[in-house]
Amino acid sequence: LERRTASDLFPGSDTRPVSVPFVTPGGEFGVYDYSLPDAFAGSLRLRNSAQLLGADANILHRFRGRNGVSVDGLFGYRFLSLAERLELLGESRALVETVFGGSPMAAGGVVFSRDSFRARNEFHGGQLGLRLSARRDRFTFGAYGKYALGANVQTLRI
């Protein structure tokens, strides 16, 4: 499936706060302010995307094929990949002289921030299946099932 992307903008102002909560590696809770009355005016853009890819290749063997009825077995390989991405793009302008990241910041100073989270899950495995097909005159009935067993590889980038 094609990559799907969505984006949302959360504008703040000198009277409208925009904040994101977070947890530090030490387990403490905090809040990152993109816009805070009487301190910062800014905005936050969230952008996410996802893409699903998959393929399989099979060898088919006919076990039975008589009187319009056939039973086939299959053996093959299956691949499936899901890639997801989330980005937080922020801009904050200081309304008054303040301290940012331990350093003094003059009024009018601008801070740009970008946080990115990427996850990819890939499945690789062998599969077995069975296919049943019955034909009579102009009509055909078909059913099949597949079962895959393999390994999932997960990658996360922050």
Protein backbone atom coordinates (compact mmCIF):
# COMPACT_ATOMS: atom_id res chain seq x y z
CA LEU A 1 0.00 0.00 0.00
CA GLU A 2 1.25 3.48 -0.70
CA ARG A 3 2.68 5.61 2.08
CA ARG A 4 -0.08 7.54 3.84
CA THR A 5 0.83 10.80 5.57
CA ALA A 6 -1.24 13.06 7.80
CA SER A 7 -0.28 16.39 9.32
CA ASP A 8 -1.88 18.62 11.96
CA LEU A 9 -0.91 22.10 13.14
CA PHE A 10 -1.52 23.27 16.70
CA PRO A 11 -0.95 27.04 16.77
CA GLY A 12 -0.38 28.80 20.06
CA SER A 13 -0.19 32.47 20.92
CA ASP A 14 0.74 34.74 23.82
CA THR A 15 -2.62 33.77 25.40
CA ARG A 16 -3.07 30.17 24.15
CA PRO A 17 -0.80 27.40 25.54
CA VAL A 18 0.49 24.45 23.53
CA SER A 19 2.38 21.84 25.59
CA VAL A 20 3.48 18.21 25.31
CA PRO A 21 4.03 15.96 28.35
CA PHE A 22 7.06 13.68 28.53
CA VAL A 23 8.81 11.21 30.84
CA THR A 24 12.56 11.51 31.49
CA PRO A 25 14.86 8.46 31.37
CA GLY A 26 14.85 8.67 35.19
CA GLY A 27 11.05 8.26 35.23
CA GLU A 28 10.17 11.86 36.13
CA PHE A 29 7.26 13.59 34.41
CA GLY A 30 7.68 16.92 32.67
CA VAL A 31 6.05 19.27 30.17
CA TYR A 32 7.61 20.90 27.10
CA ASP A 33 5.92 24.22 26.34
CA TYR A 34 5.80 25.38 22.73
CA SER A 35 3.47 28.24 23.64
CA LEU A 36 2.85 29.53 27.17
CA PRO A 37 1.08 32.79 28.13
CA ASP A 38 3.50 35.56 29.15
CA ALA A 39 6.55 33.40 28.27
CA PHE A 40 6.51 31.81 24.75
CA ALA A 41 4.38 32.07 21.60
CA GLY A 42 4.72 29.21 19.15
CA SER A 43 3.19 26.24 17.40
CA LEU A 44 3.52 22.49 17.07
CA ARG A 45 3.11 20.46 13.88
CA LEU A 46 2.51 16.71 14.16
CA ARG A 47 3.23 14.62 11.09
CA ASN A 48 2.73 10.86 10.87
CA SER A 49 2.99 8.35 8.08
CA ALA A 50 2.61 4.61 7.60
CA GLN A 51 3.34 2.16 4.81
CA LEU A 52 2.48 -1.54 4.55
CA LEU A 53 4.30 -3.85 2.11
CA GLY A 54 3.85 -7.56 1.63
CA ALA A 55 4.65 -10.38 -0.76
CA ASP A 56 4.67 -14.14 -0.89
CA ALA A 57 5.89 -16.79 -3.32
CA ASN A 58 4.49 -20.32 -3.37
CA ILE A 59 4.93 -23.70 -4.97
CA LEU A 60 1.60 -25.35 -5.75
CA HIS A 61 0.98 -29.12 -5.85
CA ARG A 62 -2.33 -30.67 -6.97
CA PHE A 63 -3.35 -33.56 -4.72
CA ARG A 64 -6.66 -34.24 -6.41
CA GLY A 65 -8.37 -33.00 -9.55
CA ARG A 66 -11.52 -34.88 -10.70
CA ASN A 67 -15.06 -34.03 -11.82
CA GLY A 68 -14.55 -30.28 -11.44
CA VAL A 69 -13.18 -30.56 -7.90
CA SER A 70 -9.52 -29.88 -7.14
CA VAL A 71 -7.50 -29.88 -3.91
CA ASP A 72 -4.11 -28.16 -3.99
CA GLY A 73 -1.41 -27.80 -1.36
CA LEU A 74 1.07 -24.97 -1.28
CA PHE A 75 4.42 -24.30 0.31
CA GLY A 76 6.14 -20.95 0.18
CA TYR A 77 7.73 -17.86 1.69
CA ARG A 78 5.99 -14.76 3.11
CA PHE A 79 7.33 -11.24 3.74
CA LEU A 80 5.42 -8.42 5.45
CA SER A 81 6.71 -4.96 6.43
CA LEU A 82 5.01 -2.15 8.35
CA ALA A 83 6.87 1.18 8.62
CA GLU A 84 5.51 4.01 10.78
CA ARG A 85 6.86 7.48 11.51
CA LEU A 86 5.85 10.28 13.89
CA GLU A 87 7.46 13.74 13.91
CA LEU A 88 6.89 16.70 16.22
CA LEU A 89 8.09 19.97 14.69
CA GLY A 90 7.98 22.94 17.04
CA GLU A 91 8.71 26.65 16.97
CA SER A 92 8.75 28.87 20.06
CA ARG A 93 9.49 32.61 20.32
CA ALA A 94 10.35 34.09 23.70
CA LEU A 95 8.02 36.93 24.69
CA VAL A 96 10.24 38.02 27.60
CA GLU A 97 13.85 37.41 28.62
CA THR A 98 14.04 33.86 29.94
CA VAL A 99 16.29 30.83 30.45
CA PHE A 100 16.21 28.00 27.90
CA GLY A 101 18.27 24.85 28.33
CA GLY A 102 20.26 26.50 31.14
CA SER A 103 21.26 29.48 28.97
CA PRO A 104 19.80 33.01 29.01
CA MET A 105 17.54 33.84 26.06
CA ALA A 106 16.58 37.37 25.02
CA ALA A 107 13.00 38.38 24.25
CA GLY A 108 12.29 37.67 20.57
CA GLY A 109 14.67 34.66 20.48
CA VAL A 110 13.35 31.67 18.54
CA VAL A 111 13.82 27.96 19.28
CA PHE A 112 13.09 25.30 16.66
CA SER A 113 12.70 21.67 17.75
CA ARG A 114 12.25 18.34 16.01
CA ASP A 115 11.48 14.98 17.58
CA SER A 116 11.28 11.91 15.38
CA PHE A 117 10.04 8.39 16.16
CA ARG A 118 10.37 5.63 13.54
CA ALA A 119 9.29 2.01 13.86
CA ARG A 120 9.61 -0.84 11.37
CA ASN A 121 8.29 -4.39 11.80
CA GLU A 122 9.27 -7.04 9.27
CA PHE A 123 8.03 -10.62 9.16
CA HIS A 124 9.96 -13.34 7.28
CA GLY A 125 8.66 -16.88 7.30
CA GLY A 126 7.64 -20.06 5.60
CA GLN A 127 4.01 -20.83 4.89
CA LEU A 128 1.81 -23.84 4.23
CA GLY A 129 -1.65 -23.77 2.75
CA LEU A 130 -4.52 -25.62 1.17
CA ARG A 131 -6.79 -24.57 -1.70
CA LEU A 132 -10.13 -26.14 -2.64
CA SER A 133 -11.90 -25.40 -5.91
CA ALA A 134 -15.19 -26.76 -7.28
CA ARG A 135 -16.59 -25.99 -10.75
CA ARG A 136 -20.04 -26.71 -12.11
CA ASP A 137 -21.36 -25.20 -15.33
CA ARG A 138 -20.73 -21.43 -15.16
CA PHE A 139 -20.11 -21.33 -11.41
CA THR A 140 -16.89 -21.77 -9.45
CA PHE A 141 -16.51 -22.06 -5.68
CA GLY A 142 -13.10 -21.53 -4.16
CA ALA A 143 -11.65 -21.46 -0.66
CA TYR A 144 -8.13 -21.42 0.67
CA GLY A 145 -6.20 -20.95 3.86
CA LYS A 146 -2.55 -20.27 4.63
CA TYR A 147 -0.52 -20.50 7.80
CA ALA A 148 2.88 -18.83 8.21
CA LEU A 149 5.54 -19.40 10.83
CA GLY A 150 8.64 -17.24 11.04
CA ALA A 151 10.45 -14.39 12.77
CA ASN A 152 9.51 -10.76 13.34
CA VAL A 153 12.31 -8.17 13.24
CA GLN A 154 11.49 -4.89 14.97
CA THR A 155 13.51 -1.67 14.64
CA LEU A 156 12.85 1.53 16.58
CA ARG A 157 14.64 4.86 16.07
CA ILE A 158 14.05 7.83 18.35
